[in-house]
Amino acid sequence: MLRSALNRAYYAMFYAVLALLATSRTDTSRHSGAISLFDREFVKPGTLPQDFSRWLHDGFNERQDADYGVDFGRTVEDASESVHRARQFVAGARDWLQRQGHLPAV
């Protein structure tokens, strides 16, 4: 279940990134491209916290390890932290989208 948790945590952040990028009609077909665009469009100008960039990059690497790694060395604590970060990331993206009028307030 650890591999699945790390995969899902990353994809939660990734799809939040795609929603953010859609607001500027910026698109890419690659994960690395979406991550780079997110950093350029949202982190570098200070729109979203620097931690979000680190969490997304870490999540990508953890997901790669979980999906393709032979020597998988992640722990329950690693997965728990990744899920916690993903929740914060998605909440931050949702809050920004709501403040910008791209989502209705809930």
PDB file of N, CA and C in Angstrom:
ATOM      1  N   MET A   1       0.804  -1.194   0.000  1.00  0.00           N
ATOM      2  CA  MET A   1       0.000   0.000   0.000  1.00  0.00           C
ATOM      3  C   MET A   1       0.854   1.267   0.000  1.00  0.00           C
ATOM      4  N   LEU A   2       2.113   1.182   0.430  1.00  0.00           N
ATOM      5  CA  LEU A   2       2.975   2.361   0.460  1.00  0.00           C
ATOM      6  C   LEU A   2       3.197   2.906  -0.944  1.00  0.00           C
ATOM      7  N   ARG A   3       3.431   2.024  -1.866  1.00  0.00           N
ATOM      8  CA  ARG A   3       3.650   2.462  -3.251  1.00  0.00           C
ATOM      9  C   ARG A   3       2.422   3.194  -3.780  1.00  0.00           C
ATOM     10  N   SER A   4       1.255   2.669  -3.516  1.00  0.00           N
ATOM     11  CA  SER A   4       0.015   3.301  -3.969  1.00  0.00           C
ATOM     12  C   SER A   4      -0.192   4.662  -3.314  1.00  0.00           C
ATOM     13  N   ALA A   5       0.093   4.763  -2.030  1.00  0.00           N
ATOM     14  CA  ALA A   5      -0.082   6.028  -1.316  1.00  0.00           C
ATOM     15  C   ALA A   5       0.837   7.099  -1.895  1.00  0.00           C
ATOM     16  N   LEU A   6       2.083   6.748  -2.174  1.00  0.00           N
ATOM     17  CA  LEU A   6       3.021   7.714  -2.750  1.00  0.00           C
ATOM     18  C   LEU A   6       2.592   8.118  -4.156  1.00  0.00           C
ATOM     19  N   ASN A   7       2.112   7.161  -4.920  1.00  0.00           N
ATOM     20  CA  ASN A   7       1.614   7.446  -6.266  1.00  0.00           C
ATOM     21  C   ASN A   7       0.444   8.417  -6.204  1.00  0.00           C
ATOM     22  N   ARG A   8      -0.525   8.122  -5.356  1.00  0.00           N
ATOM     23  CA  ARG A   8      -1.736   8.954  -5.259  1.00  0.00           C
ATOM     24  C   ARG A   8      -1.427  10.347  -4.728  1.00  0.00           C
ATOM     25  N   ALA A   9      -0.502  10.445  -3.782  1.00  0.00           N
ATOM     26  CA  ALA A   9      -0.137  11.755  -3.239  1.00  0.00           C
ATOM     27  C   ALA A   9       0.465  12.623  -4.340  1.00  0.00           C
ATOM     28  N   TYR A  10       1.358  12.049  -5.131  1.00  0.00           N
ATOM     29  CA  TYR A  10       1.943  12.817  -6.229  1.00  0.00           C
ATOM     30  C   TYR A  10       0.878  13.229  -7.236  1.00  0.00           C
ATOM     31  N   TYR A  11       0.030  12.304  -7.636  1.00  0.00           N
ATOM     32  CA  TYR A  11      -0.964  12.634  -8.662  1.00  0.00           C
ATOM     33  C   TYR A  11      -1.976  13.666  -8.166  1.00  0.00           C
ATOM     34  N   ALA A  12      -2.251  13.697  -6.883  1.00  0.00           N
ATOM     35  CA  ALA A  12      -3.121  14.750  -6.354  1.00  0.00           C
ATOM     36  C   ALA A  12      -2.480  16.114  -6.604  1.00  0.00           C
ATOM     37  N   MET A  13      -1.180  16.219  -6.327  1.00  0.00           N
ATOM     38  CA  MET A  13      -0.473  17.478  -6.579  1.00  0.00           C
ATOM     39  C   MET A  13      -0.380  17.772  -8.071  1.00  0.00           C
ATOM     40  N   PHE A  14      -0.092  16.759  -8.852  1.00  0.00           N
ATOM     41  CA  PHE A  14       0.069  16.945 -10.296  1.00  0.00           C
ATOM     42  C   PHE A  14      -1.217  17.466 -10.932  1.00  0.00           C
ATOM     43  N   TYR A  15      -2.356  16.887 -10.575  1.00  0.00           N
ATOM     44  CA  TYR A  15      -3.609  17.352 -11.164  1.00  0.00           C
ATOM     45  C   TYR A  15      -3.983  18.749 -10.664  1.00  0.00           C
ATOM     46  N   ALA A  16      -3.584  19.081  -9.445  1.00  0.00           N
ATOM     47  CA  ALA A  16      -3.774  20.456  -8.970  1.00  0.00           C
ATOM     48  C   ALA A  16      -2.922  21.406  -9.804  1.00  0.00           C
ATOM     49  N   VAL A  17      -1.709  20.991 -10.138  1.00  0.00           N
ATOM     50  CA  VAL A  17      -0.843  21.805 -11.004  1.00  0.00           C
ATOM     51  C   VAL A  17      -1.489  22.001 -12.369  1.00  0.00           C
ATOM     52  N   LEU A  18      -2.049  20.950 -12.929  1.00  0.00           N
ATOM     53  CA  LEU A  18      -2.707  21.083 -14.230  1.00  0.00           C
ATOM     54  C   LEU A  18      -3.874  22.070 -14.159  1.00  0.00           C
ATOM     55  N   ALA A  19      -4.617  22.049 -13.061  1.00  0.00           N
ATOM     56  CA  ALA A  19      -5.719  23.006 -12.893  1.00  0.00           C
ATOM     57  C   ALA A  19      -5.176  24.430 -12.824  1.00  0.00           C
ATOM     58  N   LEU A  20      -4.079  24.622 -12.093  1.00  0.00           N
ATOM     59  CA  LEU A  20      -3.469  25.949 -12.011  1.00  0.00           C
ATOM     60  C   LEU A  20      -2.980  26.413 -13.380  1.00  0.00           C
ATOM     61  N   LEU A  21      -2.316  25.532 -14.097  1.00  0.00           N
ATOM     62  CA  LEU A  21      -1.783  25.896 -15.416  1.00  0.00           C
ATOM     63  C   LEU A  21      -2.900  26.197 -16.408  1.00  0.00           C
ATOM     64  N   ALA A  22      -4.034  25.550 -16.246  1.00  0.00           N
ATOM     65  CA  ALA A  22      -5.158  25.789 -17.155  1.00  0.00           C
ATOM     66  C   ALA A  22      -5.652  27.230 -17.059  1.00  0.00           C
ATOM     67  N   THR A  23      -5.439  27.878 -15.914  1.00  0.00           N
ATOM     68  CA  THR A  23      -5.907  29.255 -15.759  1.00  0.00           C
ATOM     69  C   THR A  23      -5.140  30.220 -16.645  1.00  0.00           C
ATOM     70  N   SER A  24      -3.927  29.845 -17.015  1.00  0.00           N
ATOM     71  CA  SER A  24      -3.139  30.695 -17.902  1.00  0.00           C
ATOM     72  C   SER A  24      -3.018  30.086 -19.295  1.00  0.00           C
ATOM     73  N   ARG A  25      -3.859  29.077 -19.532  1.00  0.00           N
ATOM     74  CA  ARG A  25      -3.876  28.377 -20.812  1.00  0.00           C
ATOM     75  C   ARG A  25      -2.485  27.852 -21.198  1.00  0.00           C
ATOM     76  N   THR A  26      -1.759  27.451 -20.166  1.00  0.00           N
ATOM     77  CA  THR A  26      -0.442  26.862 -20.351  1.00  0.00           C
ATOM     78  C   THR A  26      -0.597  25.355 -20.285  1.00  0.00           C
ATOM     79  N   ASP A  27      -0.018  24.660 -21.249  1.00  0.00           N
ATOM     80  CA  ASP A  27      -0.222  23.220 -21.317  1.00  0.00           C
ATOM     81  C   ASP A  27       1.086  22.533 -21.664  1.00  0.00           C
ATOM     82  N   THR A  28       1.195  21.308 -21.237  1.00  0.00           N
ATOM     83  CA  THR A  28       2.350  20.474 -21.564  1.00  0.00           C
ATOM     84  C   THR A  28       1.918  19.023 -21.512  1.00  0.00           C
ATOM     85  N   SER A  29       2.611  18.196 -22.230  1.00  0.00           N
ATOM     86  CA  SER A  29       2.255  16.779 -22.259  1.00  0.00           C
ATOM     87  C   SER A  29       3.144  15.942 -21.336  1.00  0.00           C
ATOM     88  N   ARG A  30       4.106  16.586 -20.687  1.00  0.00           N
ATOM     89  CA  ARG A  30       5.045  15.845 -19.848  1.00  0.00           C
ATOM     90  C   ARG A  30       4.969  16.302 -18.398  1.00  0.00           C
ATOM     91  N   HIS A  31       5.207  15.392 -17.505  1.00  0.00           N
ATOM     92  CA  HIS A  31       5.222  15.733 -16.082  1.00  0.00           C
ATOM     93  C   HIS A  31       6.309  16.763 -15.795  1.00  0.00           C
ATOM     94  N   SER A  32       7.497  16.540 -16.336  1.00  0.00           N
ATOM     95  CA  SER A  32       8.594  17.476 -16.074  1.00  0.00           C
ATOM     96  C   SER A  32       8.270  18.862 -16.615  1.00  0.00           C
ATOM     97  N   GLY A  33       7.577  18.933 -17.733  1.00  0.00           N
ATOM     98  CA  GLY A  33       7.176  20.216 -18.290  1.00  0.00           C
ATOM     99  C   GLY A  33       6.174  20.921 -17.396  1.00  0.00           C
ATOM    100  N   ALA A  34       5.212  20.184 -16.863  1.00  0.00           N
ATOM    101  CA  ALA A  34       4.215  20.772 -15.965  1.00  0.00           C
ATOM    102  C   ALA A  34       4.872  21.276 -14.685  1.00  0.00           C
ATOM    103  N   ILE A  35       5.815  20.518 -14.170  1.00  0.00           N
ATOM    104  CA  ILE A  35       6.516  20.926 -12.949  1.00  0.00           C
ATOM    105  C   ILE A  35       7.316  22.192 -13.211  1.00  0.00           C
ATOM    106  N   SER A  36       8.015  22.251 -14.325  1.00  0.00           N
ATOM    107  CA  SER A  36       8.797  23.447 -14.678  1.00  0.00           C
ATOM    108  C   SER A  36       7.904  24.662 -14.860  1.00  0.00           C
ATOM    109  N   LEU A  37       6.790  24.481 -15.550  1.00  0.00           N
ATOM    110  CA  LEU A  37       5.855  25.593 -15.753  1.00  0.00           C
ATOM    111  C   LEU A  37       5.263  26.058 -14.424  1.00  0.00           C
ATOM    112  N   PHE A  38       4.934  25.123 -13.551  1.00  0.00           N
ATOM    113  CA  PHE A  38       4.422  25.474 -12.236  1.00  0.00           C
ATOM    114  C   PHE A  38       5.445  26.325 -11.482  1.00  0.00           C
ATOM    115  N   ASP A  39       6.685  25.884 -11.483  1.00  0.00           N
ATOM    116  CA  ASP A  39       7.729  26.655 -10.804  1.00  0.00           C
ATOM    117  C   ASP A  39       7.844  28.060 -11.392  1.00  0.00           C
ATOM    118  N   ARG A  40       7.841  28.147 -12.706  1.00  0.00           N
ATOM    119  CA  ARG A  40       8.004  29.441 -13.386  1.00  0.00           C
ATOM    120  C   ARG A  40       6.808  30.362 -13.174  1.00  0.00           C
ATOM    121  N   GLU A  41       5.600  29.810 -13.285  1.00  0.00           N
ATOM    122  CA  GLU A  41       4.393  30.636 -13.271  1.00  0.00           C
ATOM    123  C   GLU A  41       3.849  30.918 -11.867  1.00  0.00           C
ATOM    124  N   PHE A  42       4.104  30.024 -10.916  1.00  0.00           N
ATOM    125  CA  PHE A  42       3.462  30.161  -9.614  1.00  0.00           C
ATOM    126  C   PHE A  42       4.424  30.269  -8.435  1.00  0.00           C
ATOM    127  N   VAL A  43       5.585  29.644  -8.511  1.00  0.00           N
ATOM    128  CA  VAL A  43       6.498  29.671  -7.375  1.00  0.00           C
ATOM    129  C   VAL A  43       7.487  30.825  -7.500  1.00  0.00           C
ATOM    130  N   LYS A  44       8.111  30.954  -8.647  1.00  0.00           N
ATOM    131  CA  LYS A  44       9.115  32.007  -8.824  1.00  0.00           C
ATOM    132  C   LYS A  44       8.547  33.397  -8.547  1.00  0.00           C
ATOM    133  N   PRO A  45       7.337  33.737  -9.030  1.00  0.00           N
ATOM    134  CA  PRO A  45       6.795  35.065  -8.717  1.00  0.00           C
ATOM    135  C   PRO A  45       6.247  35.188  -7.291  1.00  0.00           C
ATOM    136  N   GLY A  46       6.253  34.098  -6.520  1.00  0.00           N
ATOM    137  CA  GLY A  46       5.789  34.145  -5.142  1.00  0.00           C
ATOM    138  C   GLY A  46       4.291  33.972  -4.973  1.00  0.00           C
ATOM    139  N   THR A  47       3.617  33.537  -6.022  1.00  0.00           N
ATOM    140  CA  THR A  47       2.171  33.318  -5.947  1.00  0.00           C
ATOM    141  C   THR A  47       1.844  32.190  -4.979  1.00  0.00           C
ATOM    142  N   LEU A  48       2.620  31.135  -5.027  1.00  0.00           N
ATOM    143  CA  LEU A  48       2.471  29.997  -4.116  1.00  0.00           C
ATOM    144  C   LEU A  48       3.811  29.738  -3.436  1.00  0.00           C
ATOM    145  N   PRO A  49       3.794  29.126  -2.257  1.00  0.00           N
ATOM    146  CA  PRO A  49       5.020  28.965  -1.466  1.00  0.00           C
ATOM    147  C   PRO A  49       6.081  28.087  -2.131  1.00  0.00           C
ATOM    148  N   GLN A  50       7.329  28.405  -1.833  1.00  0.00           N
ATOM    149  CA  GLN A  50       8.471  27.630  -2.301  1.00  0.00           C
ATOM    150  C   GLN A  50       8.366  26.175  -1.860  1.00  0.00           C
ATOM    151  N   ASP A  51       7.798  25.942  -0.689  1.00  0.00           N
ATOM    152  CA  ASP A  51       7.629  24.562  -0.201  1.00  0.00           C
ATOM    153  C   ASP A  51       6.831  23.727  -1.199  1.00  0.00           C
ATOM    154  N   PHE A  52       5.852  24.338  -1.866  1.00  0.00           N
ATOM    155  CA  PHE A  52       5.040  23.593  -2.826  1.00  0.00           C
ATOM    156  C   PHE A  52       5.914  23.027  -3.948  1.00  0.00           C
ATOM    157  N   SER A  53       6.884  23.802  -4.392  1.00  0.00           N
ATOM    158  CA  SER A  53       7.791  23.320  -5.432  1.00  0.00           C
ATOM    159  C   SER A  53       8.586  22.120  -4.932  1.00  0.00           C
ATOM    160  N   ARG A  54       9.128  22.247  -3.739  1.00  0.00           N
ATOM    161  CA  ARG A  54       9.929  21.140  -3.173  1.00  0.00           C
ATOM    162  C   ARG A  54       9.069  19.900  -3.005  1.00  0.00           C
ATOM    163  N   TRP A  55       7.839  20.079  -2.487  1.00  0.00           N
ATOM    164  CA  TRP A  55       6.949  18.939  -2.285  1.00  0.00           C
ATOM    165  C   TRP A  55       6.606  18.271  -3.606  1.00  0.00           C
ATOM    166  N   LEU A  56       6.374  19.071  -4.637  1.00  0.00           N
ATOM    167  CA  LEU A  56       6.037  18.517  -5.950  1.00  0.00           C
ATOM    168  C   LEU A  56       7.217  17.752  -6.533  1.00  0.00           C
ATOM    169  N   HIS A  57       8.409  18.330  -6.456  1.00  0.00           N
ATOM    170  CA  HIS A  57       9.605  17.642  -6.955  1.00  0.00           C
ATOM    171  C   HIS A  57       9.859  16.361  -6.166  1.00  0.00           C
ATOM    172  N   ASP A  58       9.763  16.442  -4.847  1.00  0.00           N
ATOM    173  CA  ASP A  58       9.950  15.246  -4.017  1.00  0.00           C
ATOM    174  C   ASP A  58       8.886  14.196  -4.342  1.00  0.00           C
ATOM    175  N   GLY A  59       7.646  14.656  -4.499  1.00  0.00           N
ATOM    176  CA  GLY A  59       6.557  13.734  -4.821  1.00  0.00           C
ATOM    177  C   GLY A  59       6.782  13.028  -6.142  1.00  0.00           C
ATOM    178  N   PHE A  60       7.281  13.770  -7.127  1.00  0.00           N
ATOM    179  CA  PHE A  60       7.588  13.165  -8.425  1.00  0.00           C
ATOM    180  C   PHE A  60       8.636  12.067  -8.259  1.00  0.00           C
ATOM    181  N   ASN A  61       9.704  12.366  -7.524  1.00  0.00           N
ATOM    182  CA  ASN A  61      10.766  11.373  -7.315  1.00  0.00           C
ATOM    183  C   ASN A  61      10.270  10.173  -6.516  1.00  0.00           C
ATOM    184  N   GLU A  62       9.455  10.421  -5.504  1.00  0.00           N
ATOM    185  CA  GLU A  62       8.900   9.319  -4.714  1.00  0.00           C
ATOM    186  C   GLU A  62       7.974   8.454  -5.560  1.00  0.00           C
ATOM    187  N   ARG A  63       7.194   9.100  -6.418  1.00  0.00           N
ATOM    188  CA  ARG A  63       6.290   8.346  -7.295  1.00  0.00           C
ATOM    189  C   ARG A  63       7.087   7.506  -8.283  1.00  0.00           C
ATOM    190  N   GLN A  64       8.150   8.061  -8.827  1.00  0.00           N
ATOM    191  CA  GLN A  64       9.012   7.290  -9.733  1.00  0.00           C
ATOM    192  C   GLN A  64       9.569   6.065  -9.015  1.00  0.00           C
ATOM    193  N   ASP A  65      10.037   6.296  -7.797  1.00  0.00           N
ATOM    194  CA  ASP A  65      10.591   5.197  -7.004  1.00  0.00           C
ATOM    195  C   ASP A  65       9.515   4.158  -6.687  1.00  0.00           C
ATOM    196  N   ALA A  66       8.328   4.636  -6.320  1.00  0.00           N
ATOM    197  CA  ALA A  66       7.237   3.723  -5.973  1.00  0.00           C
ATOM    198  C   ALA A  66       6.767   2.919  -7.173  1.00  0.00           C
ATOM    199  N   ASP A  67       6.675   3.565  -8.327  1.00  0.00           N
ATOM    200  CA  ASP A  67       6.151   2.895  -9.516  1.00  0.00           C
ATOM    201  C   ASP A  67       7.183   2.025 -10.227  1.00  0.00           C
ATOM    202  N   TYR A  68       8.437   2.439 -10.196  1.00  0.00           N
ATOM    203  CA  TYR A  68       9.442   1.755 -11.019  1.00  0.00           C
ATOM    204  C   TYR A  68      10.651   1.248 -10.259  1.00  0.00           C
ATOM    205  N   GLY A  69      10.812   1.653  -8.993  1.00  0.00           N
ATOM    206  CA  GLY A  69      12.001   1.289  -8.240  1.00  0.00           C
ATOM    207  C   GLY A  69      12.010  -0.166  -7.810  1.00  0.00           C
ATOM    208  N   VAL A  70      13.132  -0.791  -7.992  1.00  0.00           N
ATOM    209  CA  VAL A  70      13.294  -2.180  -7.562  1.00  0.00           C
ATOM    210  C   VAL A  70      13.637  -2.216  -6.077  1.00  0.00           C
ATOM    211  N   ASP A  71      14.548  -1.366  -5.665  1.00  0.00           N
ATOM    212  CA  ASP A  71      14.959  -1.292  -4.259  1.00  0.00           C
ATOM    213  C   ASP A  71      14.146  -0.208  -3.559  1.00  0.00           C
ATOM    214  N   PHE A  72      12.891  -0.490  -3.334  1.00  0.00           N
ATOM    215  CA  PHE A  72      11.968   0.463  -2.727  1.00  0.00           C
ATOM    216  C   PHE A  72      12.240   0.553  -1.244  1.00  0.00           C
ATOM    217  N   GLY A  73      12.661   1.720  -0.777  1.00  0.00           N
ATOM    218  CA  GLY A  73      13.039   1.856   0.626  1.00  0.00           C
ATOM    219  C   GLY A  73      12.216   2.868   1.393  1.00  0.00           C
ATOM    220  N   ARG A  74      10.998   3.111   0.987  1.00  0.00           N
ATOM    221  CA  ARG A  74      10.151   4.096   1.667  1.00  0.00           C
ATOM    222  C   ARG A  74       9.436   3.450   2.856  1.00  0.00           C
ATOM    223  N   THR A  75       9.083   4.302   3.803  1.00  0.00           N
ATOM    224  CA  THR A  75       8.449   3.816   5.033  1.00  0.00           C
ATOM    225  C   THR A  75       7.012   4.341   5.134  1.00  0.00           C
ATOM    226  N   VAL A  76       6.302   3.839   6.134  1.00  0.00           N
ATOM    227  CA  VAL A  76       4.958   4.337   6.414  1.00  0.00           C
ATOM    228  C   VAL A  76       5.023   5.830   6.728  1.00  0.00           C
ATOM    229  N   GLU A  77       6.057   6.236   7.456  1.00  0.00           N
ATOM    230  CA  GLU A  77       6.214   7.653   7.796  1.00  0.00           C
ATOM    231  C   GLU A  77       6.418   8.491   6.534  1.00  0.00           C
ATOM    232  N   ASP A  78       7.191   7.986   5.576  1.00  0.00           N
ATOM    233  CA  ASP A  78       7.385   8.693   4.301  1.00  0.00           C
ATOM    234  C   ASP A  78       6.053   8.889   3.586  1.00  0.00           C
ATOM    235  N   ALA A  79       5.274   7.837   3.511  1.00  0.00           N
ATOM    236  CA  ALA A  79       3.986   7.897   2.823  1.00  0.00           C
ATOM    237  C   ALA A  79       3.028   8.841   3.549  1.00  0.00           C
ATOM    238  N   SER A  80       3.023   8.771   4.866  1.00  0.00           N
ATOM    239  CA  SER A  80       2.156   9.647   5.643  1.00  0.00           C
ATOM    240  C   SER A  80       2.515  11.112   5.415  1.00  0.00           C
ATOM    241  N   GLU A  81       3.785  11.415   5.412  1.00  0.00           N
ATOM    242  CA  GLU A  81       4.243  12.786   5.169  1.00  0.00           C
ATOM    243  C   GLU A  81       3.880  13.233   3.756  1.00  0.00           C
ATOM    244  N   SER A  82       4.025  12.363   2.783  1.00  0.00           N
ATOM    245  CA  SER A  82       3.673  12.700   1.399  1.00  0.00           C
ATOM    246  C   SER A  82       2.188  12.993   1.255  1.00  0.00           C
ATOM    247  N   VAL A  83       1.367  12.193   1.895  1.00  0.00           N
ATOM    248  CA  VAL A  83      -0.081  12.419   1.842  1.00  0.00           C
ATOM    249  C   VAL A  83      -0.430  13.737   2.534  1.00  0.00           C
ATOM    250  N   HIS A  84       0.197  14.006   3.659  1.00  0.00           N
ATOM    251  CA  HIS A  84      -0.043  15.263   4.371  1.00  0.00           C
ATOM    252  C   HIS A  84       0.333  16.460   3.492  1.00  0.00           C
ATOM    253  N   ARG A  85       1.489  16.395   2.865  1.00  0.00           N
ATOM    254  CA  ARG A  85       1.926  17.482   1.980  1.00  0.00           C
ATOM    255  C   ARG A  85       0.992  17.638   0.789  1.00  0.00           C
ATOM    256  N   ALA A  86       0.562  16.533   0.227  1.00  0.00           N
ATOM    257  CA  ALA A  86      -0.350  16.593  -0.920  1.00  0.00           C
ATOM    258  C   ALA A  86      -1.660  17.277  -0.528  1.00  0.00           C
ATOM    259  N   ARG A  87      -2.154  16.974   0.650  1.00  0.00           N
ATOM    260  CA  ARG A  87      -3.385  17.629   1.116  1.00  0.00           C
ATOM    261  C   ARG A  87      -3.186  19.134   1.245  1.00  0.00           C
ATOM    262  N   GLN A  88      -2.059  19.548   1.808  1.00  0.00           N
ATOM    263  CA  GLN A  88      -1.771  20.977   1.941  1.00  0.00           C
ATOM    264  C   GLN A  88      -1.612  21.625   0.565  1.00  0.00           C
ATOM    265  N   PHE A  89      -0.945  20.941  -0.337  1.00  0.00           N
ATOM    266  CA  PHE A  89      -0.715  21.447  -1.681  1.00  0.00           C
ATOM    267  C   PHE A  89      -2.042  21.660  -2.401  1.00  0.00           C
ATOM    268  N   VAL A  90      -2.890  20.646  -2.382  1.00  0.00           N
ATOM    269  CA  VAL A  90      -4.187  20.733  -3.060  1.00  0.00           C
ATOM    270  C   VAL A  90      -5.044  21.831  -2.423  1.00  0.00           C
ATOM    271  N   ALA A  91      -5.019  21.929  -1.111  1.00  0.00           N
ATOM    272  CA  ALA A  91      -5.781  22.984  -0.431  1.00  0.00           C
ATOM    273  C   ALA A  91      -5.271  24.363  -0.834  1.00  0.00           C
ATOM    274  N   GLY A  92      -3.961  24.519  -0.931  1.00  0.00           N
ATOM    275  CA  GLY A  92      -3.391  25.801  -1.344  1.00  0.00           C
ATOM    276  C   GLY A  92      -3.747  26.146  -2.777  1.00  0.00           C
ATOM    277  N   ALA A  93      -3.695  25.163  -3.654  1.00  0.00           N
ATOM    278  CA  ALA A  93      -4.078  25.384  -5.052  1.00  0.00           C
ATOM    279  C   ALA A  93      -5.559  25.734  -5.144  1.00  0.00           C
ATOM    280  N   ARG A  94      -6.388  25.011  -4.411  1.00  0.00           N
ATOM    281  CA  ARG A  94      -7.830  25.276  -4.410  1.00  0.00           C
ATOM    282  C   ARG A  94      -8.122  26.681  -3.889  1.00  0.00           C
ATOM    283  N   ASP A  95      -7.455  27.069  -2.814  1.00  0.00           N
ATOM    284  CA  ASP A  95      -7.657  28.410  -2.262  1.00  0.00           C
ATOM    285  C   ASP A  95      -7.293  29.486  -3.284  1.00  0.00           C
ATOM    286  N   TRP A  96      -6.168  29.318  -3.955  1.00  0.00           N
ATOM    287  CA  TRP A  96      -5.762  30.295  -4.965  1.00  0.00           C
ATOM    288  C   TRP A  96      -6.783  30.345  -6.102  1.00  0.00           C
ATOM    289  N   LEU A  97      -7.212  29.186  -6.576  1.00  0.00           N
ATOM    290  CA  LEU A  97      -8.203  29.138  -7.654  1.00  0.00           C
ATOM    291  C   LEU A  97      -9.506  29.817  -7.239  1.00  0.00           C
ATOM    292  N   GLN A  98      -9.913  29.625  -5.996  1.00  0.00           N
ATOM    293  CA  GLN A  98     -11.126  30.279  -5.502  1.00  0.00           C
ATOM    294  C   GLN A  98     -10.944  31.791  -5.415  1.00  0.00           C
ATOM    295  N   ARG A  99      -9.809  32.241  -4.888  1.00  0.00           N
ATOM    296  CA  ARG A  99      -9.555  33.686  -4.774  1.00  0.00           C
ATOM    297  C   ARG A  99      -9.519  34.365  -6.141  1.00  0.00           C
ATOM    298  N   GLN A 100      -9.088  33.628  -7.149  1.00  0.00           N
ATOM    299  CA  GLN A 100      -9.004  34.188  -8.496  1.00  0.00           C
ATOM    300  C   GLN A 100     -10.317  34.070  -9.264  1.00  0.00           C
ATOM    301  N   GLY A 101     -11.307  33.423  -8.649  1.00  0.00           N
ATOM    302  CA  GLY A 101     -12.610  33.288  -9.282  1.00  0.00           C
ATOM    303  C   GLY A 101     -12.720  32.133 -10.254  1.00  0.00           C
ATOM    304  N   HIS A 102     -11.766  31.204 -10.216  1.00  0.00           N
ATOM    305  CA  HIS A 102     -11.795  30.045 -11.105  1.00  0.00           C
ATOM    306  C   HIS A 102     -12.606  28.894 -10.535  1.00  0.00           C
ATOM    307  N   LEU A 103     -12.881  28.942  -9.231  1.00  0.00           N
ATOM    308  CA  LEU A 103     -13.687  27.934  -8.548  1.00  0.00           C
ATOM    309  C   LEU A 103     -14.671  28.661  -7.638  1.00  0.00           C
ATOM    310  N   PRO A 104     -15.859  28.114  -7.483  1.00  0.00           N
ATOM    311  CA  PRO A 104     -16.780  28.726  -6.513  1.00  0.00           C
ATOM    312  C   PRO A 104     -16.279  28.481  -5.093  1.00  0.00           C
ATOM    313  N   ALA A 105     -16.554  29.404  -4.215  1.00  0.00           N
ATOM    314  CA  ALA A 105     -16.206  29.213  -2.811  1.00  0.00           C
ATOM    315  C   ALA A 105     -17.040  28.082  -2.236  1.00  0.00           C
ATOM    316  N   VAL A 106     -16.415  27.275  -1.427  1.00  0.00           N
ATOM    317  CA  VAL A 106     -17.111  26.128  -0.833  1.00  0.00           C
ATOM    318  C   VAL A 106     -17.369  26.387   0.622  1.00  0.00           C
TER     319      VAL A 106
END
